[in-house]
C-alpha atoms as a PDB file:
ATOM      1  CA  UNK A   1      50.107  -2.012 -27.763  1.00  0.00           C
ATOM      2  CA  UNK A   2      46.540  -0.805 -28.235  1.00  0.00           C
ATOM      3  CA  UNK A   3      45.113  -4.142 -27.060  1.00  0.00           C
ATOM      4  CA  UNK A   4      47.263  -4.100 -23.947  1.00  0.00           C
ATOM      5  CA  UNK A   5      46.102  -0.589 -23.036  1.00  0.00           C
ATOM      6  CA  UNK A   6      42.496  -1.460 -23.827  1.00  0.00           C
ATOM      7  CA  UNK A   7      42.426  -4.565 -21.632  1.00  0.00           C
ATOM      8  CA  UNK A   8      44.390  -2.893 -18.841  1.00  0.00           C
ATOM      9  CA  UNK A   9      41.809  -0.100 -18.685  1.00  0.00           C
ATOM     10  CA  UNK A  10      38.905  -2.588 -18.814  1.00  0.00           C
ATOM     11  CA  UNK A  11      40.353  -4.618 -15.942  1.00  0.00           C
ATOM     12  CA  UNK A  12      41.071  -1.486 -13.897  1.00  0.00           C
ATOM     13  CA  UNK A  13      37.476  -0.259 -14.426  1.00  0.00           C
ATOM     14  CA  UNK A  14      36.060  -3.642 -13.372  1.00  0.00           C
ATOM     15  CA  UNK A  15      38.179  -3.714 -10.198  1.00  0.00           C
ATOM     16  CA  UNK A  16      37.159  -0.139  -9.371  1.00  0.00           C
ATOM     17  CA  UNK A  17      33.449  -1.009  -9.860  1.00  0.00           C
ATOM     18  CA  UNK A  18      33.711  -4.050  -7.599  1.00  0.00           C
ATOM     19  CA  UNK A  19      35.423  -2.048  -4.871  1.00  0.00           C
ATOM     20  CA  UNK A  20      32.766   0.675  -5.143  1.00  0.00           C
ATOM     21  CA  UNK A  21      29.960  -1.904  -4.859  1.00  0.00           C
ATOM     22  CA  UNK A  22      31.575  -3.481  -1.794  1.00  0.00           C
ATOM     23  CA  UNK A  23      31.904  -0.062  -0.183  1.00  0.00           C
ATOM     24  CA  UNK A  24      28.270   0.794  -1.019  1.00  0.00           C
ATOM     25  CA  UNK A  25      27.132  -2.527   0.473  1.00  0.00           C
ATOM     26  CA  UNK A  26      29.062  -1.853   3.686  1.00  0.00           C
ATOM     27  CA  UNK A  27      27.635   1.659   3.964  1.00  0.00           C
ATOM     28  CA  UNK A  28      24.048   0.447   3.512  1.00  0.00           C
ATOM     29  CA  UNK A  29      24.581  -2.404   5.993  1.00  0.00           C
ATOM     30  CA  UNK A  30      25.691   0.174   8.545  1.00  0.00           C
ATOM     31  CA  UNK A  31      22.849   2.643   7.919  1.00  0.00           C
ATOM     32  CA  UNK A  32      19.758   0.471   7.336  1.00  0.00           C
ATOM     33  CA  UNK A  33      17.759  -1.081  10.181  1.00  0.00           C
ATOM     34  CA  UNK A  34      18.343  -4.660   8.942  1.00  0.00           C
ATOM     35  CA  UNK A  35      20.136  -6.191   5.975  1.00  0.00           C
ATOM     36  CA  UNK A  36      20.187  -9.972   5.474  1.00  0.00           C
ATOM     37  CA  UNK A  37      23.170 -12.107   4.530  1.00  0.00           C
ATOM     38  CA  UNK A  38      24.605 -11.812   1.024  1.00  0.00           C
ATOM     39  CA  UNK A  39      22.429  -8.820   0.085  1.00  0.00           C
ATOM     40  CA  UNK A  40      24.312  -6.464  -2.230  1.00  0.00           C
ATOM     41  CA  UNK A  41      24.022  -2.813  -3.221  1.00  0.00           C
ATOM     42  CA  UNK A  42      25.501  -0.969  -6.165  1.00  0.00           C
ATOM     43  CA  UNK A  43      26.497   2.674  -5.957  1.00  0.00           C
ATOM     44  CA  UNK A  44      24.005   5.518  -6.342  1.00  0.00           C
ATOM     45  CA  UNK A  45      21.187   4.116  -4.182  1.00  0.00           C
ATOM     46  CA  UNK A  46      19.266   6.478  -1.897  1.00  0.00           C
ATOM     47  CA  UNK A  47      17.106   5.581   1.113  1.00  0.00           C
ATOM     48  CA  UNK A  48      14.926   8.123   2.932  1.00  0.00           C
ATOM     49  CA  UNK A  49      14.417   7.070   6.577  1.00  0.00           C
ATOM     50  CA  UNK A  50      17.050   4.294   6.454  1.00  0.00           C
ATOM     51  CA  UNK A  51      16.312   3.340  10.063  1.00  0.00           C
ATOM     52  CA  UNK A  52      12.869   2.086   8.903  1.00  0.00           C
ATOM     53  CA  UNK A  53      14.131  -0.186   6.119  1.00  0.00           C
ATOM     54  CA  UNK A  54      14.451  -3.947   6.623  1.00  0.00           C
ATOM     55  CA  UNK A  55      15.928  -6.100   3.843  1.00  0.00           C
ATOM     56  CA  UNK A  56      16.110  -9.900   3.711  1.00  0.00           C
ATOM     57  CA  UNK A  57      18.898 -12.200   2.542  1.00  0.00           C
ATOM     58  CA  UNK A  58      20.296 -12.527  -0.994  1.00  0.00           C
ATOM     59  CA  UNK A  59      18.736  -9.278  -2.274  1.00  0.00           C
ATOM     60  CA  UNK A  60      20.246  -7.171  -5.057  1.00  0.00           C
ATOM     61  CA  UNK A  61      19.813  -3.417  -5.514  1.00  0.00           C
ATOM     62  CA  UNK A  62      21.089  -1.984  -8.804  1.00  0.00           C
ATOM     63  CA  UNK A  63      22.328   1.572  -9.180  1.00  0.00           C
ATOM     64  CA  UNK A  64      19.890   4.452  -9.310  1.00  0.00           C
ATOM     65  CA  UNK A  65      17.283   2.931  -6.979  1.00  0.00           C
ATOM     66  CA  UNK A  66      15.473   5.544  -4.909  1.00  0.00           C
ATOM     67  CA  UNK A  67      13.433   4.779  -1.801  1.00  0.00           C
ATOM     68  CA  UNK A  68      11.439   7.879  -0.895  1.00  0.00           C
ATOM     69  CA  UNK A  69       9.146   8.788   1.991  1.00  0.00           C
ATOM     70  CA  UNK A  70       6.993  11.732   2.993  1.00  0.00           C
ATOM     71  CA  UNK A  71       6.870  11.744   6.770  1.00  0.00           C
ATOM     72  CA  UNK A  72       8.679   9.894   9.526  1.00  0.00           C
ATOM     73  CA  UNK A  73       6.357   6.934  10.110  1.00  0.00           C
ATOM     74  CA  UNK A  74       7.058   5.193   6.790  1.00  0.00           C
ATOM     75  CA  UNK A  75       8.394   1.631   6.670  1.00  0.00           C
ATOM     76  CA  UNK A  76       9.806  -0.708   4.034  1.00  0.00           C
ATOM     77  CA  UNK A  77       9.976  -4.487   4.543  1.00  0.00           C
ATOM     78  CA  UNK A  78      11.680  -6.578   1.853  1.00  0.00           C
ATOM     79  CA  UNK A  79      11.799 -10.388   1.866  1.00  0.00           C
ATOM     80  CA  UNK A  80      14.545 -12.735   0.696  1.00  0.00           C
ATOM     81  CA  UNK A  81      15.928 -13.013  -2.860  1.00  0.00           C
ATOM     82  CA  UNK A  82      14.377  -9.751  -4.055  1.00  0.00           C
ATOM     83  CA  UNK A  83      15.912  -7.935  -7.023  1.00  0.00           C
ATOM     84  CA  UNK A  84      15.347  -4.207  -7.541  1.00  0.00           C
ATOM     85  CA  UNK A  85      16.748  -3.127 -10.913  1.00  0.00           C
ATOM     86  CA  UNK A  86      18.130   0.188 -12.164  1.00  0.00           C
ATOM     87  CA  UNK A  87      16.319   3.487 -11.639  1.00  0.00           C
ATOM     88  CA  UNK A  88      13.364   2.031  -9.706  1.00  0.00           C
ATOM     89  CA  UNK A  89      11.443   4.362  -7.386  1.00  0.00           C
ATOM     90  CA  UNK A  90       9.886   2.807  -4.283  1.00  0.00           C
ATOM     91  CA  UNK A  91       7.615   5.070  -2.254  1.00  0.00           C
ATOM     92  CA  UNK A  92       7.381   3.895   1.352  1.00  0.00           C
ATOM     93  CA  UNK A  93       5.241   6.751   2.708  1.00  0.00           C
ATOM     94  CA  UNK A  94       2.225   4.534   3.449  1.00  0.00           C
ATOM     95  CA  UNK A  95       4.265   1.437   4.207  1.00  0.00           C
ATOM     96  CA  UNK A  96       5.509  -1.037   1.598  1.00  0.00           C
ATOM     97  CA  UNK A  97       6.061  -4.776   1.969  1.00  0.00           C
ATOM     98  CA  UNK A  98       7.708  -6.896  -0.734  1.00  0.00           C
ATOM     99  CA  UNK A  99       7.539 -10.673  -0.305  1.00  0.00           C
ATOM    100  CA  UNK A 100      10.213 -13.222  -1.138  1.00  0.00           C
ATOM    101  CA  UNK A 101      11.438 -13.658  -4.736  1.00  0.00           C
ATOM    102  CA  UNK A 102       9.988 -10.377  -6.055  1.00  0.00           C
ATOM    103  CA  UNK A 103      11.569  -8.904  -9.193  1.00  0.00           C
ATOM    104  CA  UNK A 104      11.106  -5.206  -9.981  1.00  0.00           C
ATOM    105  CA  UNK A 105      12.380  -4.341 -13.476  1.00  0.00           C
ATOM    106  CA  UNK A 106      14.081  -1.130 -14.588  1.00  0.00           C
ATOM    107  CA  UNK A 107      12.396   2.254 -14.122  1.00  0.00           C
ATOM    108  CA  UNK A 108       9.302   0.846 -12.406  1.00  0.00           C
ATOM    109  CA  UNK A 109       7.539   3.131  -9.916  1.00  0.00           C
ATOM    110  CA  UNK A 110       5.561   1.953  -6.870  1.00  0.00           C
ATOM    111  CA  UNK A 111       3.506   4.514  -4.909  1.00  0.00           C
ATOM    112  CA  UNK A 112       2.014   4.130  -1.412  1.00  0.00           C
ATOM    113  CA  UNK A 113       0.502   7.586  -1.005  1.00  0.00           C
ATOM    114  CA  UNK A 114      -1.815   9.937  -2.857  1.00  0.00           C
ATOM    115  CA  UNK A 115      -2.553  13.668  -2.664  1.00  0.00           C
ATOM    116  CA  UNK A 116      -5.913  13.475  -4.447  1.00  0.00           C
ATOM    117  CA  UNK A 117      -6.488  16.390  -6.810  1.00  0.00           C
ATOM    118  CA  UNK A 118      -4.649  18.918  -4.632  1.00  0.00           C
ATOM    119  CA  UNK A 119      -0.858  18.570  -4.915  1.00  0.00           C
ATOM    120  CA  UNK A 120      -0.463  20.670  -1.742  1.00  0.00           C
ATOM    121  CA  UNK A 121      -2.771  18.490   0.383  1.00  0.00           C
ATOM    122  CA  UNK A 122      -1.383  16.184   3.036  1.00  0.00           C
ATOM    123  CA  UNK A 123      -0.458  12.748   1.714  1.00  0.00           C
ATOM    124  CA  UNK A 124      -3.059  10.006   2.187  1.00  0.00           C
ATOM    125  CA  UNK A 125      -1.001   7.016   3.287  1.00  0.00           C
ATOM    126  CA  UNK A 126      -2.101   3.734   1.725  1.00  0.00           C
ATOM    127  CA  UNK A 127      -0.122   0.638   2.769  1.00  0.00           C
ATOM    128  CA  UNK A 128       0.813  -1.749  -0.033  1.00  0.00           C
ATOM    129  CA  UNK A 129       1.722  -5.439   0.009  1.00  0.00           C
ATOM    130  CA  UNK A 130       3.410  -7.147  -2.914  1.00  0.00           C
ATOM    131  CA  UNK A 131       3.279 -10.855  -2.173  1.00  0.00           C
ATOM    132  CA  UNK A 132       5.901 -13.475  -3.057  1.00  0.00           C
ATOM    133  CA  UNK A 133       7.106 -14.371  -6.569  1.00  0.00           C
ATOM    134  CA  UNK A 134       5.747 -11.211  -8.254  1.00  0.00           C
ATOM    135  CA  UNK A 135       7.372  -9.826 -11.403  1.00  0.00           C
ATOM    136  CA  UNK A 136       6.870  -6.124 -12.130  1.00  0.00           C
ATOM    137  CA  UNK A 137       7.869  -5.269 -15.701  1.00  0.00           C
ATOM    138  CA  UNK A 138       9.968  -2.385 -16.997  1.00  0.00           C
ATOM    139  CA  UNK A 139       8.474   1.106 -16.584  1.00  0.00           C
ATOM    140  CA  UNK A 140       5.340  -0.206 -14.887  1.00  0.00           C
ATOM    141  CA  UNK A 141       3.619   2.202 -12.506  1.00  0.00           C
ATOM    142  CA  UNK A 142       1.764   0.835  -9.485  1.00  0.00           C
ATOM    143  CA  UNK A 143      -0.466   3.591  -8.100  1.00  0.00           C
ATOM    144  CA  UNK A 144      -1.465   3.963  -4.462  1.00  0.00           C
ATOM    145  CA  UNK A 145      -5.032   2.790  -5.189  1.00  0.00           C
ATOM    146  CA  UNK A 146      -3.611  -0.715  -5.745  1.00  0.00           C
ATOM    147  CA  UNK A 147      -3.195  -2.071  -2.212  1.00  0.00           C
ATOM    148  CA  UNK A 148      -2.274  -5.739  -2.880  1.00  0.00           C
ATOM    149  CA  UNK A 149      -0.502  -7.576  -5.676  1.00  0.00           C
ATOM    150  CA  UNK A 150      -1.132 -11.280  -5.165  1.00  0.00           C
ATOM    151  CA  UNK A 151       1.430 -14.053  -5.100  1.00  0.00           C
ATOM    152  CA  UNK A 152       2.818 -15.054  -8.499  1.00  0.00           C
ATOM    153  CA  UNK A 153       1.338 -12.096 -10.386  1.00  0.00           C
ATOM    154  CA  UNK A 154       3.029 -10.537 -13.418  1.00  0.00           C
ATOM    155  CA  UNK A 155       2.733  -6.816 -14.190  1.00  0.00           C
ATOM    156  CA  UNK A 156       3.516  -6.197 -17.870  1.00  0.00           C
ATOM    157  CA  UNK A 157       6.023  -3.618 -19.049  1.00  0.00           C
ATOM    158  CA  UNK A 158       4.553  -0.116 -19.103  1.00  0.00           C
ATOM    159  CA  UNK A 159       1.375  -1.137 -17.276  1.00  0.00           C
ATOM    160  CA  UNK A 160      -0.430   1.412 -15.082  1.00  0.00           C
ATOM    161  CA  UNK A 161      -1.856  -0.572 -12.150  1.00  0.00           C
ATOM    162  CA  UNK A 162      -4.819   1.155 -10.480  1.00  0.00           C
ATOM    163  CA  UNK A 163      -6.540  -1.787  -8.751  1.00  0.00           C
ATOM    164  CA  UNK A 164      -5.590  -4.809  -6.685  1.00  0.00           C
ATOM    165  CA  UNK A 165      -4.106  -7.700  -8.674  1.00  0.00           C
ATOM    166  CA  UNK A 166      -5.194 -11.252  -7.759  1.00  0.00           C
ATOM    167  CA  UNK A 167      -2.703 -14.075  -7.236  1.00  0.00           C
ATOM    168  CA  UNK A 168      -1.255 -15.495 -10.443  1.00  0.00           C
ATOM    169  CA  UNK A 169      -2.798 -12.819 -12.678  1.00  0.00           C
ATOM    170  CA  UNK A 170      -1.005 -11.368 -15.689  1.00  0.00           C
ATOM    171  CA  UNK A 171      -1.935  -7.707 -16.159  1.00  0.00           C
ATOM    172  CA  UNK A 172      -1.011  -5.310 -18.972  1.00  0.00           C
ATOM    173  CA  UNK A 173      -2.087  -1.953 -20.359  1.00  0.00           C
ATOM    174  CA  UNK A 174      -3.278   1.466 -19.216  1.00  0.00           C
ATOM    175  CA  UNK A 175      -5.202   0.959 -17.022  1.00  0.00           C
ATOM    176  CA  UNK A 176      -3.906  -2.547 -16.359  1.00  0.00           C
ATOM    177  CA  UNK A 177      -6.327  -5.365 -17.136  1.00  0.00           C
ATOM    178  CA  UNK A 178      -6.074  -9.086 -16.554  1.00  0.00           C
ATOM    179  CA  UNK A 179      -5.161 -10.932 -19.750  1.00  0.00           C
ATOM    180  CA  UNK A 180      -4.452 -14.341 -18.253  1.00  0.00           C
ATOM    181  CA  UNK A 181      -3.177 -16.330 -15.304  1.00  0.00           C
ATOM    182  CA  UNK A 182       0.154 -18.004 -14.604  1.00  0.00           C
ATOM    183  CA  UNK A 183       0.265 -21.694 -13.954  1.00  0.00           C
ATOM    184  CA  UNK A 184       1.768 -21.640 -10.483  1.00  0.00           C
ATOM    185  CA  UNK A 185       3.788 -24.734  -9.668  1.00  0.00           C
ATOM    186  CA  UNK A 186       4.709 -25.285  -6.044  1.00  0.00           C
ATOM    187  CA  UNK A 187       8.410 -25.998  -5.694  1.00  0.00           C
ATOM    188  CA  UNK A 188       9.261 -28.487  -2.980  1.00  0.00           C
ATOM    189  CA  UNK A 189      11.442 -26.835  -0.348  1.00  0.00           C
END
C-alpha cells in the first residue's frame, strides 16, 4: 500500500510540475517581445522590462532566474540554444547580448552597469556581449568592466571576471586569469 501511495504522489507531482512549466512558458511567450520556437521556461522566472527581451529558439530557463534592469532603455538579446540555469541573475541595464549555444550555470551573476564608489550615483551603463559557445561556470560573477567574452570561452566556477575574455580562453580565479585555451573545432553545419 505504501508503494502505491508513494508512486501515485510522485506521478501527481510530476504532472503538476509539467503543467506549471507549460503555463509559465505560455505566460512568458505572451509577455516578452520575442520568444523563438521550442524555448521553455520553468516557474519562478522574473523579467524586468519584458517588452525589451528577445529570446531565440530552443532556449531553456530554469526556475529562479532573474532578469533585472535599472531604467527603461535596457535590452536583452539571447541567441538560439541558450541555457540559463537555476538562480542566475542577468542585469540588462546597459544592454546584454548572449550569442548562440551559451550555457550559464547555477547562481552566476552578470552585470552591465556600475555605480562606481557611490551606491546612490546614477548607474553607468556598460553594454556587454557574450559571444557564441561560451560556458559560464557555477557562481561566477561577470562584472560590468568586462565588456566582451569571446566565442568559445570558459569561465570557471566561482571566477570573478573583471576584464574582457578573448575567444577560446579558459579563465579562473579572483580576479579571473587565463589558464589556457580551448581547442575550438568548427562543426560543419
